[in-house]
PDB file of all heavy atoms in Angstrom:
ATOM      1  N   PRO A   1       2.716  12.193  -9.106  1.00  0.00           N
ATOM      2  CA  PRO A   1       2.741  10.755  -9.262  1.00  0.00           C
ATOM      3  C   PRO A   1       3.835  10.101  -8.372  1.00  0.00           C
ATOM      4  O   PRO A   1       4.971  10.644  -8.264  1.00  0.00           O
ATOM      5  CB  PRO A   1       2.994  10.529 -10.736  1.00  0.00           C
ATOM      6  CG  PRO A   1       3.642  11.806 -11.212  1.00  0.00           C
ATOM      7  CD  PRO A   1       3.082  12.887 -10.371  1.00  0.00           C
ATOM      8  N   LEU A   2       3.501   9.006  -7.778  1.00  0.00           N
ATOM      9  CA  LEU A   2       4.437   8.221  -6.968  1.00  0.00           C
ATOM     10  C   LEU A   2       4.914   6.961  -7.696  1.00  0.00           C
ATOM     11  O   LEU A   2       6.117   6.706  -7.725  1.00  0.00           O
ATOM     12  CB  LEU A   2       3.808   7.786  -5.668  1.00  0.00           C
ATOM     13  CG  LEU A   2       3.358   8.912  -4.667  1.00  0.00           C
ATOM     14  CD1 LEU A   2       2.469   8.376  -3.575  1.00  0.00           C
ATOM     15  CD2 LEU A   2       4.615   9.536  -4.088  1.00  0.00           C
ATOM     16  N   ASP A   3       3.988   6.247  -8.296  1.00  0.00           N
ATOM     17  CA  ASP A   3       4.324   5.003  -9.023  1.00  0.00           C
ATOM     18  C   ASP A   3       3.110   4.469  -9.738  1.00  0.00           C
ATOM     19  O   ASP A   3       1.971   4.808  -9.421  1.00  0.00           O
ATOM     20  CB  ASP A   3       4.836   3.940  -7.996  1.00  0.00           C
ATOM     21  CG  ASP A   3       5.489   2.760  -8.704  1.00  0.00           C
ATOM     22  OD1 ASP A   3       6.042   2.935  -9.783  1.00  0.00           O
ATOM     23  OD2 ASP A   3       5.494   1.639  -8.120  1.00  0.00           O
ATOM     24  N   ASP A   4       3.416   3.693 -10.745  1.00  0.00           N
ATOM     25  CA  ASP A   4       2.356   3.046 -11.528  1.00  0.00           C
ATOM     26  C   ASP A   4       2.429   1.531 -11.127  1.00  0.00           C
ATOM     27  O   ASP A   4       3.388   0.854 -11.464  1.00  0.00           O
ATOM     28  CB  ASP A   4       2.633   3.172 -13.036  1.00  0.00           C
ATOM     29  CG  ASP A   4       1.536   2.652 -13.904  1.00  0.00           C
ATOM     30  OD1 ASP A   4       0.604   2.045 -13.331  1.00  0.00           O
ATOM     31  OD2 ASP A   4       1.566   2.795 -15.105  1.00  0.00           O
ATOM     32  N   GLY A   5       1.436   1.062 -10.384  1.00  0.00           N
ATOM     33  CA  GLY A   5       1.486  -0.292  -9.875  1.00  0.00           C
ATOM     34  C   GLY A   5       0.086  -0.955  -9.800  1.00  0.00           C
ATOM     35  O   GLY A   5      -0.775  -0.715 -10.617  1.00  0.00           O
ATOM     36  N   LEU A   6      -0.067  -1.797  -8.778  1.00  0.00           N
ATOM     37  CA  LEU A   6      -1.312  -2.511  -8.586  1.00  0.00           C
ATOM     38  C   LEU A   6      -1.810  -2.267  -7.152  1.00  0.00           C
ATOM     39  O   LEU A   6      -0.995  -2.023  -6.240  1.00  0.00           O
ATOM     40  CB  LEU A   6      -1.098  -4.037  -8.746  1.00  0.00           C
ATOM     41  CG  LEU A   6      -0.670  -4.547 -10.126  1.00  0.00           C
ATOM     42  CD1 LEU A   6      -0.403  -6.026 -10.012  1.00  0.00           C
ATOM     43  CD2 LEU A   6      -1.762  -4.270 -11.160  1.00  0.00           C
ATOM     44  N   MET A   7      -3.126  -2.315  -6.999  1.00  0.00           N
ATOM     45  CA  MET A   7      -3.713  -2.214  -5.650  1.00  0.00           C
ATOM     46  C   MET A   7      -4.693  -3.322  -5.443  1.00  0.00           C
ATOM     47  O   MET A   7      -5.316  -3.802  -6.422  1.00  0.00           O
ATOM     48  CB  MET A   7      -4.378  -0.836  -5.467  1.00  0.00           C
ATOM     49  CG  MET A   7      -5.540  -0.568  -6.382  1.00  0.00           C
ATOM     50  SD  MET A   7      -6.278   1.040  -5.985  1.00  0.00           S
ATOM     51  CE  MET A   7      -7.466   1.217  -7.344  1.00  0.00           C
ATOM     52  N   LEU A   8      -4.846  -3.741  -4.176  1.00  0.00           N
ATOM     53  CA  LEU A   8      -5.806  -4.783  -3.825  1.00  0.00           C
ATOM     54  C   LEU A   8      -6.545  -4.296  -2.543  1.00  0.00           C
ATOM     55  O   LEU A   8      -5.941  -3.692  -1.659  1.00  0.00           O
ATOM     56  CB  LEU A   8      -5.149  -6.123  -3.565  1.00  0.00           C
ATOM     57  CG  LEU A   8      -4.564  -6.817  -4.746  1.00  0.00           C
ATOM     58  CD1 LEU A   8      -3.041  -6.559  -4.851  1.00  0.00           C
ATOM     59  CD2 LEU A   8      -4.764  -8.345  -4.662  1.00  0.00           C
ATOM     60  N   TRP A   9      -7.817  -4.665  -2.507  1.00  0.00           N
ATOM     61  CA  TRP A   9      -8.680  -4.275  -1.359  1.00  0.00           C
ATOM     62  C   TRP A   9      -9.272  -5.525  -0.740  1.00  0.00           C
ATOM     63  O   TRP A   9      -9.879  -6.378  -1.449  1.00  0.00           O
ATOM     64  CB  TRP A   9      -9.752  -3.329  -1.830  1.00  0.00           C
ATOM     65  CG  TRP A   9     -10.929  -3.121  -0.929  1.00  0.00           C
ATOM     66  CD1 TRP A   9     -12.258  -3.387  -1.196  1.00  0.00           C
ATOM     67  CD2 TRP A   9     -10.909  -2.636   0.413  1.00  0.00           C
ATOM     68  NE1 TRP A   9     -13.044  -3.115  -0.114  1.00  0.00           N
ATOM     69  CE2 TRP A   9     -12.236  -2.637   0.919  1.00  0.00           C
ATOM     70  CE3 TRP A   9      -9.875  -2.237   1.259  1.00  0.00           C
ATOM     71  CZ2 TRP A   9     -12.579  -2.241   2.143  1.00  0.00           C
ATOM     72  CZ3 TRP A   9     -10.228  -1.805   2.550  1.00  0.00           C
ATOM     73  CH2 TRP A   9     -11.559  -1.811   2.971  1.00  0.00           C
ATOM     74  N   PHE A  10      -9.127  -5.705   0.564  1.00  0.00           N
ATOM     75  CA  PHE A  10      -9.654  -6.840   1.328  1.00  0.00           C
ATOM     76  C   PHE A  10     -10.490  -6.368   2.468  1.00  0.00           C
ATOM     77  O   PHE A  10      -9.901  -5.921   3.532  1.00  0.00           O
ATOM     78  CB  PHE A  10      -8.504  -7.723   1.924  1.00  0.00           C
ATOM     79  CG  PHE A  10      -7.524  -8.203   0.863  1.00  0.00           C
ATOM     80  CD1 PHE A  10      -6.383  -7.476   0.531  1.00  0.00           C
ATOM     81  CD2 PHE A  10      -7.767  -9.386   0.119  1.00  0.00           C
ATOM     82  CE1 PHE A  10      -5.478  -7.903  -0.403  1.00  0.00           C
ATOM     83  CE2 PHE A  10      -6.870  -9.845  -0.824  1.00  0.00           C
ATOM     84  CZ  PHE A  10      -5.723  -9.105  -1.101  1.00  0.00           C
ATOM     85  N   PRO A  11     -11.787  -6.315   2.353  1.00  0.00           N
ATOM     86  CA  PRO A  11     -12.620  -5.861   3.492  1.00  0.00           C
ATOM     87  C   PRO A  11     -12.595  -6.884   4.617  1.00  0.00           C
ATOM     88  O   PRO A  11     -12.629  -8.099   4.388  1.00  0.00           O
ATOM     89  CB  PRO A  11     -14.050  -5.748   2.892  1.00  0.00           C
ATOM     90  CG  PRO A  11     -13.984  -6.641   1.676  1.00  0.00           C
ATOM     91  CD  PRO A  11     -12.584  -6.650   1.187  1.00  0.00           C
ATOM     92  N   GLY A  12     -12.537  -6.399   5.855  1.00  0.00           N
ATOM     93  CA  GLY A  12     -12.580  -7.243   7.022  1.00  0.00           C
ATOM     94  C   GLY A  12     -13.943  -7.799   7.255  1.00  0.00           C
ATOM     95  O   GLY A  12     -14.947  -7.358   6.651  1.00  0.00           O
ATOM     96  N   PRO A  13     -14.120  -8.846   8.139  1.00  0.00           N
ATOM     97  CA  PRO A  13     -13.093  -9.361   9.014  1.00  0.00           C
ATOM     98  C   PRO A  13     -12.302 -10.560   8.434  1.00  0.00           C
ATOM     99  O   PRO A  13     -11.435 -11.103   9.065  1.00  0.00           O
ATOM    100  CB  PRO A  13     -13.826  -9.790  10.241  1.00  0.00           C
ATOM    101  CG  PRO A  13     -15.141 -10.210   9.690  1.00  0.00           C
ATOM    102  CD  PRO A  13     -15.432  -9.310   8.526  1.00  0.00           C
ATOM    103  N   ALA A  14     -12.717 -10.992   7.197  1.00  0.00           N
ATOM    104  CA  ALA A  14     -12.108 -12.188   6.596  1.00  0.00           C
ATOM    105  C   ALA A  14     -10.770 -11.832   5.894  1.00  0.00           C
ATOM    106  O   ALA A  14     -10.630 -11.934   4.669  1.00  0.00           O
ATOM    107  CB  ALA A  14     -13.059 -12.875   5.624  1.00  0.00           C
ATOM    108  N   THR A  15      -9.852 -11.300   6.654  1.00  0.00           N
ATOM    109  CA  THR A  15      -8.557 -10.937   6.150  1.00  0.00           C
ATOM    110  C   THR A  15      -7.448 -11.525   7.074  1.00  0.00           C
ATOM    111  O   THR A  15      -7.748 -12.034   8.137  1.00  0.00           O
ATOM    112  CB  THR A  15      -8.376  -9.406   6.096  1.00  0.00           C
ATOM    113  OG1 THR A  15      -8.421  -8.857   7.438  1.00  0.00           O
ATOM    114  CG2 THR A  15      -9.497  -8.756   5.287  1.00  0.00           C
ATOM    115  N   ALA A  16      -6.182 -11.292   6.675  1.00  0.00           N
ATOM    116  CA  ALA A  16      -5.083 -11.838   7.463  1.00  0.00           C
ATOM    117  C   ALA A  16      -5.058 -11.242   8.862  1.00  0.00           C
ATOM    118  O   ALA A  16      -4.710 -11.956   9.826  1.00  0.00           O
ATOM    119  CB  ALA A  16      -3.755 -11.528   6.747  1.00  0.00           C
ATOM    120  N   THR A  17      -5.462  -9.949   9.029  1.00  0.00           N
ATOM    121  CA  THR A  17      -5.405  -9.312  10.348  1.00  0.00           C
ATOM    122  C   THR A  17      -6.769  -9.291  11.012  1.00  0.00           C
ATOM    123  O   THR A  17      -6.901  -8.922  12.186  1.00  0.00           O
ATOM    124  CB  THR A  17      -4.927  -7.873  10.220  1.00  0.00           C
ATOM    125  OG1 THR A  17      -5.795  -7.149   9.380  1.00  0.00           O
ATOM    126  CG2 THR A  17      -3.481  -7.852   9.666  1.00  0.00           C
ATOM    127  N   GLY A  18      -7.857  -9.664  10.277  1.00  0.00           N
ATOM    128  CA  GLY A  18      -9.214  -9.486  10.812  1.00  0.00           C
ATOM    129  C   GLY A  18      -9.763  -8.075  10.663  1.00  0.00           C
ATOM    130  O   GLY A  18     -10.856  -7.804  11.165  1.00  0.00           O
ATOM    131  N   GLU A  19      -8.998  -7.208  10.025  1.00  0.00           N
ATOM    132  CA  GLU A  19      -9.432  -5.810   9.807  1.00  0.00           C
ATOM    133  C   GLU A  19      -9.477  -5.532   8.294  1.00  0.00           C
ATOM    134  O   GLU A  19      -9.048  -6.350   7.480  1.00  0.00           O
ATOM    135  CB  GLU A  19      -8.391  -4.838  10.428  1.00  0.00           C
ATOM    136  CG  GLU A  19      -8.142  -5.072  11.887  1.00  0.00           C
ATOM    137  CD  GLU A  19      -6.995  -4.211  12.423  1.00  0.00           C
ATOM    138  OE1 GLU A  19      -6.134  -3.844  11.622  1.00  0.00           O
ATOM    139  OE2 GLU A  19      -7.009  -3.965  13.642  1.00  0.00           O
ATOM    140  N   ASP A  20     -10.030  -4.340   7.922  1.00  0.00           N
ATOM    141  CA  ASP A  20      -9.909  -3.887   6.545  1.00  0.00           C
ATOM    142  C   ASP A  20      -8.426  -3.842   6.177  1.00  0.00           C
ATOM    143  O   ASP A  20      -7.579  -3.340   6.955  1.00  0.00           O
ATOM    144  CB  ASP A  20     -10.548  -2.526   6.389  1.00  0.00           C
ATOM    145  CG  ASP A  20     -12.031  -2.592   6.442  1.00  0.00           C
ATOM    146  OD1 ASP A  20     -12.617  -3.695   6.447  1.00  0.00           O
ATOM    147  OD2 ASP A  20     -12.647  -1.483   6.543  1.00  0.00           O
ATOM    148  N   LEU A  21      -8.105  -4.333   4.959  1.00  0.00           N
ATOM    149  CA  LEU A  21      -6.705  -4.452   4.577  1.00  0.00           C
ATOM    150  C   LEU A  21      -6.551  -4.023   3.128  1.00  0.00           C
ATOM    151  O   LEU A  21      -7.364  -4.319   2.253  1.00  0.00           O
ATOM    152  CB  LEU A  21      -6.276  -5.906   4.714  1.00  0.00           C
ATOM    153  CG  LEU A  21      -4.815  -6.258   4.617  1.00  0.00           C
ATOM    154  CD1 LEU A  21      -4.058  -5.773   5.836  1.00  0.00           C
ATOM    155  CD2 LEU A  21      -4.642  -7.781   4.501  1.00  0.00           C
ATOM    156  N   ALA A  22      -5.477  -3.288   2.870  1.00  0.00           N
ATOM    157  CA  ALA A  22      -5.133  -2.870   1.483  1.00  0.00           C
ATOM    158  C   ALA A  22      -3.683  -3.212   1.239  1.00  0.00           C
ATOM    159  O   ALA A  22      -2.849  -3.190   2.129  1.00  0.00           O
ATOM    160  CB  ALA A  22      -5.390  -1.370   1.296  1.00  0.00           C
ATOM    161  N   GLU A  23      -3.403  -3.497  -0.060  1.00  0.00           N
ATOM    162  CA  GLU A  23      -2.026  -3.732  -0.448  1.00  0.00           C
ATOM    163  C   GLU A  23      -1.722  -2.885  -1.651  1.00  0.00           C
ATOM    164  O   GLU A  23      -2.487  -2.765  -2.596  1.00  0.00           O
ATOM    165  CB  GLU A  23      -1.799  -5.227  -0.772  1.00  0.00           C
ATOM    166  CG  GLU A  23      -1.762  -6.116   0.406  1.00  0.00           C
ATOM    167  CD  GLU A  23      -1.379  -7.578   0.065  1.00  0.00           C
ATOM    168  OE1 GLU A  23      -1.194  -7.827  -1.164  1.00  0.00           O
ATOM    169  OE2 GLU A  23      -1.307  -8.382   0.990  1.00  0.00           O
ATOM    170  N   LEU A  24      -0.499  -2.281  -1.606  1.00  0.00           N
ATOM    171  CA  LEU A  24       0.003  -1.504  -2.753  1.00  0.00           C
ATOM    172  C   LEU A  24       1.195  -2.290  -3.305  1.00  0.00           C
ATOM    173  O   LEU A  24       2.197  -2.519  -2.582  1.00  0.00           O
ATOM    174  CB  LEU A  24       0.456  -0.147  -2.296  1.00  0.00           C
ATOM    175  CG  LEU A  24      -0.505   0.673  -1.368  1.00  0.00           C
ATOM    176  CD1 LEU A  24       0.113   2.024  -1.032  1.00  0.00           C
ATOM    177  CD2 LEU A  24      -1.826   0.848  -2.070  1.00  0.00           C
ATOM    178  N   HIS A  25       1.141  -2.707  -4.554  1.00  0.00           N
ATOM    179  CA  HIS A  25       2.224  -3.454  -5.230  1.00  0.00           C
ATOM    180  C   HIS A  25       2.956  -2.436  -6.091  1.00  0.00           C
ATOM    181  O   HIS A  25       2.401  -1.965  -7.093  1.00  0.00           O
ATOM    182  CB  HIS A  25       1.659  -4.612  -6.007  1.00  0.00           C
ATOM    183  CG  HIS A  25       1.067  -5.691  -5.174  1.00  0.00           C
ATOM    184  ND1 HIS A  25       1.314  -7.033  -5.378  1.00  0.00           N
ATOM    185  CD2 HIS A  25       0.258  -5.644  -4.064  1.00  0.00           C
ATOM    186  CE1 HIS A  25       0.673  -7.757  -4.465  1.00  0.00           C
ATOM    187  NE2 HIS A  25       0.006  -6.919  -3.666  1.00  0.00           N
ATOM    188  N   LEU A  26       4.187  -2.215  -5.722  1.00  0.00           N
ATOM    189  CA  LEU A  26       4.974  -1.149  -6.342  1.00  0.00           C
ATOM    190  C   LEU A  26       6.217  -1.672  -7.040  1.00  0.00           C
ATOM    191  O   LEU A  26       6.614  -2.825  -6.862  1.00  0.00           O
ATOM    192  CB  LEU A  26       5.423  -0.120  -5.250  1.00  0.00           C
ATOM    193  CG  LEU A  26       4.364   0.332  -4.247  1.00  0.00           C
ATOM    194  CD1 LEU A  26       4.986   1.008  -3.071  1.00  0.00           C
ATOM    195  CD2 LEU A  26       3.330   1.211  -4.923  1.00  0.00           C
ATOM    196  N   HIS A  27       6.866  -0.791  -7.814  1.00  0.00           N
ATOM    197  CA  HIS A  27       8.206  -1.093  -8.293  1.00  0.00           C
ATOM    198  C   HIS A  27       9.132  -1.067  -7.002  1.00  0.00           C
ATOM    199  O   HIS A  27       8.935  -0.208  -6.151  1.00  0.00           O
ATOM    200  CB  HIS A  27       8.671  -0.139  -9.320  1.00  0.00           C
ATOM    201  CG  HIS A  27       7.904  -0.240 -10.615  1.00  0.00           C
ATOM    202  ND1 HIS A  27       6.799   0.472 -10.910  1.00  0.00           N
ATOM    203  CD2 HIS A  27       8.145  -1.076 -11.678  1.00  0.00           C
ATOM    204  CE1 HIS A  27       6.354   0.122 -12.114  1.00  0.00           C
ATOM    205  NE2 HIS A  27       7.119  -0.809 -12.626  1.00  0.00           N
ATOM    206  N   GLY A  28      10.098  -1.977  -6.935  1.00  0.00           N
ATOM    207  CA  GLY A  28      10.792  -2.190  -5.733  1.00  0.00           C
ATOM    208  C   GLY A  28      12.047  -1.341  -5.491  1.00  0.00           C
ATOM    209  O   GLY A  28      12.964  -1.764  -4.753  1.00  0.00           O
ATOM    210  N   GLY A  29      12.123  -0.175  -6.086  1.00  0.00           N
ATOM    211  CA  GLY A  29      13.271   0.708  -5.792  1.00  0.00           C
ATOM    212  C   GLY A  29      13.153   1.424  -4.477  1.00  0.00           C
ATOM    213  O   GLY A  29      12.083   1.613  -3.959  1.00  0.00           O
ATOM    214  N   ARG A  30      14.277   1.744  -3.890  1.00  0.00           N
ATOM    215  CA  ARG A  30      14.266   2.413  -2.568  1.00  0.00           C
ATOM    216  C   ARG A  30      13.516   3.715  -2.599  1.00  0.00           C
ATOM    217  O   ARG A  30      12.778   4.051  -1.663  1.00  0.00           O
ATOM    218  CB  ARG A  30      15.721   2.664  -2.105  1.00  0.00           C
ATOM    219  CG  ARG A  30      16.462   1.401  -1.739  1.00  0.00           C
ATOM    220  CD  ARG A  30      17.783   1.752  -1.024  1.00  0.00           C
ATOM    221  NE  ARG A  30      18.547   0.528  -0.618  1.00  0.00           N
ATOM    222  CZ  ARG A  30      19.464  -0.095  -1.358  1.00  0.00           C
ATOM    223  NH1 ARG A  30      19.690   0.435  -2.577  1.00  0.00           N
ATOM    224  NH2 ARG A  30      20.044  -1.143  -0.953  1.00  0.00           N
ATOM    225  N   ALA A  31      13.751   4.509  -3.616  1.00  0.00           N
ATOM    226  CA  ALA A  31      13.088   5.846  -3.742  1.00  0.00           C
ATOM    227  C   ALA A  31      11.575   5.707  -3.836  1.00  0.00           C
ATOM    228  O   ALA A  31      10.864   6.489  -3.247  1.00  0.00           O
ATOM    229  CB  ALA A  31      13.681   6.632  -4.892  1.00  0.00           C
ATOM    230  N   VAL A  32      11.115   4.713  -4.588  1.00  0.00           N
ATOM    231  CA  VAL A  32       9.644   4.506  -4.727  1.00  0.00           C
ATOM    232  C   VAL A  32       9.042   4.157  -3.400  1.00  0.00           C
ATOM    233  O   VAL A  32       8.045   4.770  -2.950  1.00  0.00           O
ATOM    234  CB  VAL A  32       9.401   3.416  -5.744  1.00  0.00           C
ATOM    235  CG1 VAL A  32       7.884   3.067  -5.775  1.00  0.00           C
ATOM    236  CG2 VAL A  32       9.851   3.805  -7.154  1.00  0.00           C
ATOM    237  N   VAL A  33       9.636   3.223  -2.714  1.00  0.00           N
ATOM    238  CA  VAL A  33       9.118   2.776  -1.399  1.00  0.00           C
ATOM    239  C   VAL A  33       9.108   3.915  -0.398  1.00  0.00           C
ATOM    240  O   VAL A  33       8.109   4.179   0.328  1.00  0.00           O
ATOM    241  CB  VAL A  33       9.905   1.558  -0.853  1.00  0.00           C
ATOM    242  CG1 VAL A  33       9.441   1.212   0.533  1.00  0.00           C
ATOM    243  CG2 VAL A  33       9.725   0.358  -1.789  1.00  0.00           C
ATOM    244  N   ALA A  34      10.226   4.686  -0.381  1.00  0.00           N
ATOM    245  CA  ALA A  34      10.296   5.764   0.586  1.00  0.00           C
ATOM    246  C   ALA A  34       9.282   6.815   0.302  1.00  0.00           C
ATOM    247  O   ALA A  34       8.685   7.407   1.247  1.00  0.00           O
ATOM    248  CB  ALA A  34      11.747   6.363   0.541  1.00  0.00           C
ATOM    249  N   ALA A  35       9.047   7.123  -0.984  1.00  0.00           N
ATOM    250  CA  ALA A  35       8.100   8.164  -1.350  1.00  0.00           C
ATOM    251  C   ALA A  35       6.673   7.750  -0.974  1.00  0.00           C
ATOM    252  O   ALA A  35       5.868   8.518  -0.447  1.00  0.00           O
ATOM    253  CB  ALA A  35       8.137   8.485  -2.850  1.00  0.00           C
ATOM    254  N   VAL A  36       6.317   6.511  -1.196  1.00  0.00           N
ATOM    255  CA  VAL A  36       5.005   6.026  -0.828  1.00  0.00           C
ATOM    256  C   VAL A  36       4.786   6.010   0.694  1.00  0.00           C
ATOM    257  O   VAL A  36       3.745   6.371   1.203  1.00  0.00           O
ATOM    258  CB  VAL A  36       4.753   4.594  -1.423  1.00  0.00           C
ATOM    259  CG1 VAL A  36       3.499   3.962  -0.845  1.00  0.00           C
ATOM    260  CG2 VAL A  36       4.669   4.664  -2.945  1.00  0.00           C
ATOM    261  N   GLU A  37       5.839   5.611   1.423  1.00  0.00           N
ATOM    262  CA  GLU A  37       5.707   5.586   2.879  1.00  0.00           C
ATOM    263  C   GLU A  37       5.542   7.030   3.427  1.00  0.00           C
ATOM    264  O   GLU A  37       4.826   7.243   4.340  1.00  0.00           O
ATOM    265  CB  GLU A  37       6.946   4.929   3.502  1.00  0.00           C
ATOM    266  CG  GLU A  37       6.986   3.412   3.315  1.00  0.00           C
ATOM    267  CD  GLU A  37       8.108   2.743   3.993  1.00  0.00           C
ATOM    268  OE1 GLU A  37       9.157   3.418   4.231  1.00  0.00           O
ATOM    269  OE2 GLU A  37       7.979   1.564   4.397  1.00  0.00           O
ATOM    270  N   ARG A  38       6.263   7.987   2.799  1.00  0.00           N
ATOM    271  CA  ARG A  38       6.031   9.371   3.204  1.00  0.00           C
ATOM    272  C   ARG A  38       4.621   9.845   2.948  1.00  0.00           C
ATOM    273  O   ARG A  38       4.013  10.535   3.811  1.00  0.00           O
ATOM    274  CB  ARG A  38       7.024  10.298   2.454  1.00  0.00           C
ATOM    275  CG  ARG A  38       8.468  10.277   2.977  1.00  0.00           C
ATOM    276  CD  ARG A  38       9.246  11.466   2.486  1.00  0.00           C
ATOM    277  NE  ARG A  38       9.315  11.490   1.033  1.00  0.00           N
ATOM    278  CZ  ARG A  38      10.249  10.871   0.296  1.00  0.00           C
ATOM    279  NH1 ARG A  38      11.209  10.176   0.875  1.00  0.00           N
ATOM    280  NH2 ARG A  38      10.253  10.984  -1.003  1.00  0.00           N
ATOM    281  N   ALA A  39       4.070   9.469   1.827  1.00  0.00           N
ATOM    282  CA  ALA A  39       2.691   9.836   1.478  1.00  0.00           C
ATOM    283  C   ALA A  39       1.730   9.181   2.477  1.00  0.00           C
ATOM    284  O   ALA A  39       0.764   9.847   2.890  1.00  0.00           O
ATOM    285  CB  ALA A  39       2.400   9.464   0.067  1.00  0.00           C
ATOM    286  N   LEU A  40       1.980   7.961   2.842  1.00  0.00           N
ATOM    287  CA  LEU A  40       1.057   7.310   3.807  1.00  0.00           C
ATOM    288  C   LEU A  40       1.161   7.946   5.202  1.00  0.00           C
ATOM    289  O   LEU A  40       0.146   8.148   5.861  1.00  0.00           O
ATOM    290  CB  LEU A  40       1.432   5.811   3.885  1.00  0.00           C
ATOM    291  CG  LEU A  40       1.118   4.967   2.645  1.00  0.00           C
ATOM    292  CD1 LEU A  40       1.719   3.576   2.798  1.00  0.00           C
ATOM    293  CD2 LEU A  40      -0.424   4.867   2.487  1.00  0.00           C
ATOM    294  N   ALA A  41       2.392   8.238   5.643  1.00  0.00           N
ATOM    295  CA  ALA A  41       2.561   8.885   6.939  1.00  0.00           C
ATOM    296  C   ALA A  41       1.876  10.187   7.045  1.00  0.00           C
ATOM    297  O   ALA A  41       1.508  10.688   8.117  1.00  0.00           O
ATOM    298  CB  ALA A  41       4.041   8.965   7.258  1.00  0.00           C
ATOM    299  N   ALA A  42       1.693  10.871   5.892  1.00  0.00           N
ATOM    300  CA  ALA A  42       1.112  12.225   5.901  1.00  0.00           C
ATOM    301  C   ALA A  42      -0.417  12.174   6.003  1.00  0.00           C
ATOM    302  O   ALA A  42      -1.097  13.178   6.272  1.00  0.00           O
ATOM    303  CB  ALA A  42       1.503  12.999   4.604  1.00  0.00           C
ATOM    304  N   LEU A  43      -1.002  10.994   5.764  1.00  0.00           N
ATOM    305  CA  LEU A  43      -2.464  10.841   5.850  1.00  0.00           C
ATOM    306  C   LEU A  43      -2.898  10.804   7.339  1.00  0.00           C
ATOM    307  O   LEU A  43      -2.226  10.189   8.179  1.00  0.00           O
ATOM    308  CB  LEU A  43      -2.903   9.555   5.139  1.00  0.00           C
ATOM    309  CG  LEU A  43      -2.678   9.531   3.637  1.00  0.00           C
ATOM    310  CD1 LEU A  43      -3.100   8.174   3.088  1.00  0.00           C
ATOM    311  CD2 LEU A  43      -3.501  10.659   2.937  1.00  0.00           C
TER     312      LEU A  43
END
C-alpha cells in the first residue's frame, strides 16, 4: 500500500492538456508523495 486517497479519470481530448488525464489525490506528506512518484516512474 502507498496511500488511501482519491482518483479521477478524464478521457481526452476534452481535458486540460488535450490528452487522457488522471489525478491522484493523496495525503500531502513528503514520504507519501515520494513513494507514489517512485511507483509511477517504475511503470
